[in-house]
Amino acid sequence: MEREQLLGELDALLDKKVLLKMYLLATAEKHSFWYVNLLNEQNSMWYKNFEQKMLVVDKHEAAHSLQAPRLHEQRPAHGQESLRHS
């Protein structure tokens, strides 16, 4: 119930399906959480815990590369390791 309320509040920023994927990806591991910093720009507001930035690839960009839209996780301080979720 609380998850649905949260996703409903954030769906003005992104599609609810994308938000749900981000939530599930961020909370899949024990003790991990989804952090949303609403004071940041949209491309810098989504995090898994505090150290992994989550990026949403634009649908138009993905269409040009002939791939489906994906979620990427970045570790800002330790290189470009990323997890892709379709």
N, C-alpha and C. Protein backbone atom coordinates (compact mmCIF):
# COMPACT_ATOMS: atom_id res chain seq x y z
N MET A 1 0.82 -1.19 0.00
CA MET A 1 0.00 0.00 0.00
C MET A 1 0.87 1.26 0.00
N GLU A 2 1.86 1.33 0.90
CA GLU A 2 2.73 2.50 0.94
C GLU A 2 3.52 2.63 -0.35
N ARG A 3 3.95 1.50 -0.91
CA ARG A 3 4.70 1.54 -2.16
C ARG A 3 3.85 2.15 -3.26
N GLU A 4 2.59 1.76 -3.33
CA GLU A 4 1.69 2.30 -4.36
C GLU A 4 1.48 3.80 -4.19
N GLN A 5 1.39 4.25 -2.96
CA GLN A 5 1.25 5.68 -2.70
C GLN A 5 2.49 6.43 -3.15
N LEU A 6 3.65 5.90 -2.83
CA LEU A 6 4.90 6.52 -3.24
C LEU A 6 5.00 6.60 -4.76
N LEU A 7 4.73 5.49 -5.43
CA LEU A 7 4.79 5.48 -6.89
C LEU A 7 3.78 6.44 -7.49
N GLY A 8 2.61 6.55 -6.87
CA GLY A 8 1.59 7.49 -7.34
C GLY A 8 2.04 8.94 -7.22
N GLU A 9 2.79 9.24 -6.15
CA GLU A 9 3.31 10.60 -5.97
C GLU A 9 4.39 10.93 -6.98
N LEU A 10 5.18 9.94 -7.36
CA LEU A 10 6.32 10.17 -8.25
C LEU A 10 5.99 10.01 -9.73
N ASP A 11 4.79 9.54 -10.07
CA ASP A 11 4.51 9.25 -11.47
C ASP A 11 4.38 10.49 -12.36
N ALA A 12 4.44 11.67 -11.79
CA ALA A 12 4.51 12.89 -12.61
C ALA A 12 5.92 13.05 -13.19
N LEU A 13 6.91 12.38 -12.57
CA LEU A 13 8.29 12.49 -13.02
C LEU A 13 8.66 11.41 -14.04
N LEU A 14 8.19 10.20 -13.82
CA LEU A 14 8.47 9.06 -14.70
C LEU A 14 7.26 8.15 -14.74
N ASP A 15 7.21 7.31 -15.76
CA ASP A 15 6.15 6.32 -15.89
C ASP A 15 6.16 5.40 -14.68
N LYS A 16 4.98 5.03 -14.22
CA LYS A 16 4.86 4.20 -13.02
C LYS A 16 5.55 2.84 -13.17
N LYS A 17 5.56 2.28 -14.39
CA LYS A 17 6.23 1.00 -14.61
C LYS A 17 7.75 1.14 -14.42
N VAL A 18 8.30 2.25 -14.89
CA VAL A 18 9.73 2.50 -14.73
C VAL A 18 10.05 2.71 -13.25
N LEU A 19 9.21 3.47 -12.57
CA LEU A 19 9.41 3.69 -11.13
C LEU A 19 9.39 2.38 -10.36
N LEU A 20 8.46 1.50 -10.70
CA LEU A 20 8.37 0.20 -10.02
C LEU A 20 9.63 -0.62 -10.28
N LYS A 21 10.13 -0.62 -11.52
CA LYS A 21 11.37 -1.34 -11.82
C LYS A 21 12.53 -0.79 -10.99
N MET A 22 12.60 0.52 -10.89
CA MET A 22 13.66 1.14 -10.10
C MET A 22 13.55 0.73 -8.64
N TYR A 23 12.34 0.79 -8.11
CA TYR A 23 12.11 0.42 -6.71
C TYR A 23 12.52 -1.03 -6.45
N LEU A 24 12.07 -1.93 -7.32
CA LEU A 24 12.37 -3.35 -7.14
C LEU A 24 13.86 -3.63 -7.27
N LEU A 25 14.52 -2.97 -8.21
CA LEU A 25 15.95 -3.14 -8.38
C LEU A 25 16.71 -2.63 -7.15
N ALA A 26 16.31 -1.47 -6.65
CA ALA A 26 17.00 -0.86 -5.51
C ALA A 26 16.80 -1.64 -4.22
N THR A 27 15.67 -2.30 -4.06
CA THR A 27 15.36 -2.96 -2.80
C THR A 27 15.50 -4.49 -2.86
N ALA A 28 16.09 -5.00 -3.92
CA ALA A 28 16.19 -6.45 -4.11
C ALA A 28 17.09 -7.13 -3.07
N GLU A 29 18.12 -6.43 -2.63
CA GLU A 29 19.04 -7.02 -1.67
C GLU A 29 18.62 -6.66 -0.24
N LYS A 30 18.94 -7.54 0.67
CA LYS A 30 18.62 -7.32 2.08
C LYS A 30 19.29 -6.03 2.57
N HIS A 31 18.56 -5.22 3.27
CA HIS A 31 19.02 -3.96 3.86
C HIS A 31 19.29 -2.85 2.84
N SER A 32 18.95 -3.05 1.58
CA SER A 32 19.13 -1.97 0.61
C SER A 32 17.82 -1.19 0.50
N PHE A 33 17.92 0.04 0.01
CA PHE A 33 16.75 0.91 -0.07
C PHE A 33 16.84 1.82 -1.28
N TRP A 34 15.72 2.39 -1.63
CA TRP A 34 15.61 3.33 -2.75
C TRP A 34 15.57 4.73 -2.17
N TYR A 35 16.49 5.56 -2.59
CA TYR A 35 16.58 6.94 -2.12
C TYR A 35 16.28 7.87 -3.29
N VAL A 36 15.33 8.78 -3.09
CA VAL A 36 14.95 9.74 -4.12
C VAL A 36 15.19 11.13 -3.56
N ASN A 37 16.12 11.87 -4.17
CA ASN A 37 16.43 13.23 -3.74
C ASN A 37 15.69 14.20 -4.66
N LEU A 38 14.56 14.69 -4.21
CA LEU A 38 13.71 15.55 -5.04
C LEU A 38 14.30 16.94 -5.26
N LEU A 39 15.36 17.28 -4.56
CA LEU A 39 16.01 18.57 -4.75
C LEU A 39 16.98 18.56 -5.93
N ASN A 40 17.39 17.39 -6.37
CA ASN A 40 18.31 17.27 -7.51
C ASN A 40 17.54 17.32 -8.83
N GLU A 41 18.30 17.53 -9.91
CA GLU A 41 17.73 17.42 -11.25
C GLU A 41 17.27 15.98 -11.46
N GLN A 42 16.35 15.76 -12.39
CA GLN A 42 15.76 14.44 -12.56
C GLN A 42 16.80 13.36 -12.87
N ASN A 43 17.85 13.69 -13.61
CA ASN A 43 18.85 12.66 -13.92
C ASN A 43 19.80 12.39 -12.77
N SER A 44 19.63 13.08 -11.64
CA SER A 44 20.50 12.87 -10.47
C SER A 44 19.72 12.66 -9.18
N MET A 45 18.49 12.24 -9.28
CA MET A 45 17.69 12.12 -8.05
C MET A 45 17.44 10.69 -7.59
N TRP A 46 17.77 9.71 -8.38
CA TRP A 46 17.43 8.32 -8.08
C TRP A 46 18.66 7.55 -7.62
N TYR A 47 18.57 6.90 -6.46
CA TYR A 47 19.72 6.17 -5.90
C TYR A 47 19.29 4.84 -5.30
N LYS A 48 20.20 3.87 -5.39
CA LYS A 48 20.10 2.65 -4.60
C LYS A 48 21.03 2.90 -3.42
N ASN A 49 20.49 2.84 -2.22
CA ASN A 49 21.21 3.25 -1.02
C ASN A 49 21.66 4.70 -1.23
N PHE A 50 22.81 5.08 -0.76
CA PHE A 50 23.27 6.45 -1.01
C PHE A 50 24.40 6.48 -2.03
N GLU A 51 24.98 5.32 -2.34
CA GLU A 51 26.18 5.34 -3.16
C GLU A 51 26.01 4.95 -4.62
N GLN A 52 24.88 4.39 -5.01
CA GLN A 52 24.68 3.97 -6.39
C GLN A 52 23.61 4.83 -7.05
N LYS A 53 24.04 5.64 -7.99
CA LYS A 53 23.11 6.49 -8.74
C LYS A 53 22.41 5.65 -9.79
N MET A 54 21.11 5.81 -9.90
CA MET A 54 20.32 5.08 -10.90
C MET A 54 19.95 6.03 -12.02
N LEU A 55 20.24 5.63 -13.25
CA LEU A 55 19.93 6.45 -14.42
C LEU A 55 18.87 5.76 -15.27
N VAL A 56 17.99 6.54 -15.84
CA VAL A 56 16.99 6.01 -16.75
C VAL A 56 17.39 6.45 -18.15
N VAL A 57 17.56 5.49 -19.04
CA VAL A 57 17.91 5.80 -20.42
C VAL A 57 16.65 6.25 -21.14
N ASP A 58 16.73 7.36 -21.84
CA ASP A 58 15.60 7.93 -22.56
C ASP A 58 15.12 6.97 -23.65
N LYS A 59 13.81 6.86 -23.83
CA LYS A 59 13.23 5.96 -24.83
C LYS A 59 13.71 6.29 -26.23
N HIS A 60 13.83 7.57 -26.55
CA HIS A 60 14.27 7.98 -27.89
C HIS A 60 15.72 7.57 -28.13
N GLU A 61 16.55 7.73 -27.13
CA GLU A 61 17.95 7.32 -27.23
C GLU A 61 18.03 5.81 -27.43
N ALA A 62 17.22 5.07 -26.70
CA ALA A 62 17.22 3.62 -26.81
C ALA A 62 16.71 3.18 -28.19
N ALA A 63 15.75 3.90 -28.73
CA ALA A 63 15.21 3.55 -30.05
C ALA A 63 16.28 3.73 -31.13
N HIS A 64 17.09 4.76 -31.01
CA HIS A 64 18.16 4.99 -31.98
C HIS A 64 19.23 3.91 -31.91
N SER A 65 19.41 3.33 -30.74
CA SER A 65 20.40 2.28 -30.60
C SER A 65 19.78 0.89 -30.77
N LEU A 66 18.50 0.83 -31.11
CA LEU A 66 17.75 -0.40 -31.35
C LEU A 66 17.71 -1.32 -30.13
N GLN A 67 17.69 -0.73 -28.96
CA GLN A 67 17.59 -1.50 -27.72
C GLN A 67 16.40 -0.99 -26.92
N ALA A 68 15.88 -1.84 -26.06
CA ALA A 68 14.78 -1.44 -25.18
C ALA A 68 15.31 -0.50 -24.10
N PRO A 69 14.46 0.37 -23.56
CA PRO A 69 14.89 1.24 -22.46
C PRO A 69 15.37 0.40 -21.27
N ARG A 70 16.39 0.92 -20.58
CA ARG A 70 16.98 0.19 -19.47
C ARG A 70 17.21 1.11 -18.30
N LEU A 71 17.36 0.51 -17.15
CA LEU A 71 17.80 1.23 -15.97
C LEU A 71 19.27 0.91 -15.78
N HIS A 72 20.06 1.91 -15.43
CA HIS A 72 21.48 1.71 -15.18
C HIS A 72 21.78 2.18 -13.77
N GLU A 73 22.61 1.44 -13.08
CA GLU A 73 23.10 1.87 -11.77
C GLU A 73 24.54 2.26 -11.93
N GLN A 74 24.92 3.40 -11.38
CA GLN A 74 26.30 3.84 -11.44
C GLN A 74 26.83 4.04 -10.03
N ARG A 75 28.05 3.64 -9.83
CA ARG A 75 28.76 3.95 -8.58
C ARG A 75 29.59 5.19 -8.90
N PRO A 76 29.19 6.36 -8.40
CA PRO A 76 29.85 7.59 -8.80
C PRO A 76 31.34 7.66 -8.50
N ALA A 77 31.81 7.07 -7.41
CA ALA A 77 33.21 7.25 -7.04
C ALA A 77 34.10 6.11 -7.52
N HIS A 78 33.56 4.99 -7.94
CA HIS A 78 34.37 3.82 -8.24
C HIS A 78 34.18 3.35 -9.68
N GLY A 79 34.40 4.20 -10.64
CA GLY A 79 34.35 3.78 -12.04
C GLY A 79 32.95 3.70 -12.60
N GLN A 80 32.81 2.99 -13.67
CA GLN A 80 31.56 2.96 -14.42
C GLN A 80 30.86 1.61 -14.36
N GLU A 81 30.93 0.91 -13.26
CA GLU A 81 30.21 -0.36 -13.13
C GLU A 81 28.72 -0.08 -13.21
N SER A 82 28.00 -0.82 -14.02
CA SER A 82 26.57 -0.57 -14.13
C SER A 82 25.81 -1.89 -14.23
N LEU A 83 24.61 -1.87 -13.72
CA LEU A 83 23.70 -2.99 -13.83
C LEU A 83 22.59 -2.58 -14.78
N ARG A 84 22.28 -3.42 -15.72
CA ARG A 84 21.21 -3.08 -16.67
C ARG A 84 20.01 -3.94 -16.37
N HIS A 85 18.85 -3.30 -16.41
CA HIS A 85 17.61 -4.00 -16.09
C HIS A 85 16.61 -3.67 -17.19
N SER A 86 16.13 -4.68 -17.91
CA SER A 86 15.16 -4.45 -18.98
C SER A 86 13.77 -4.72 -18.51
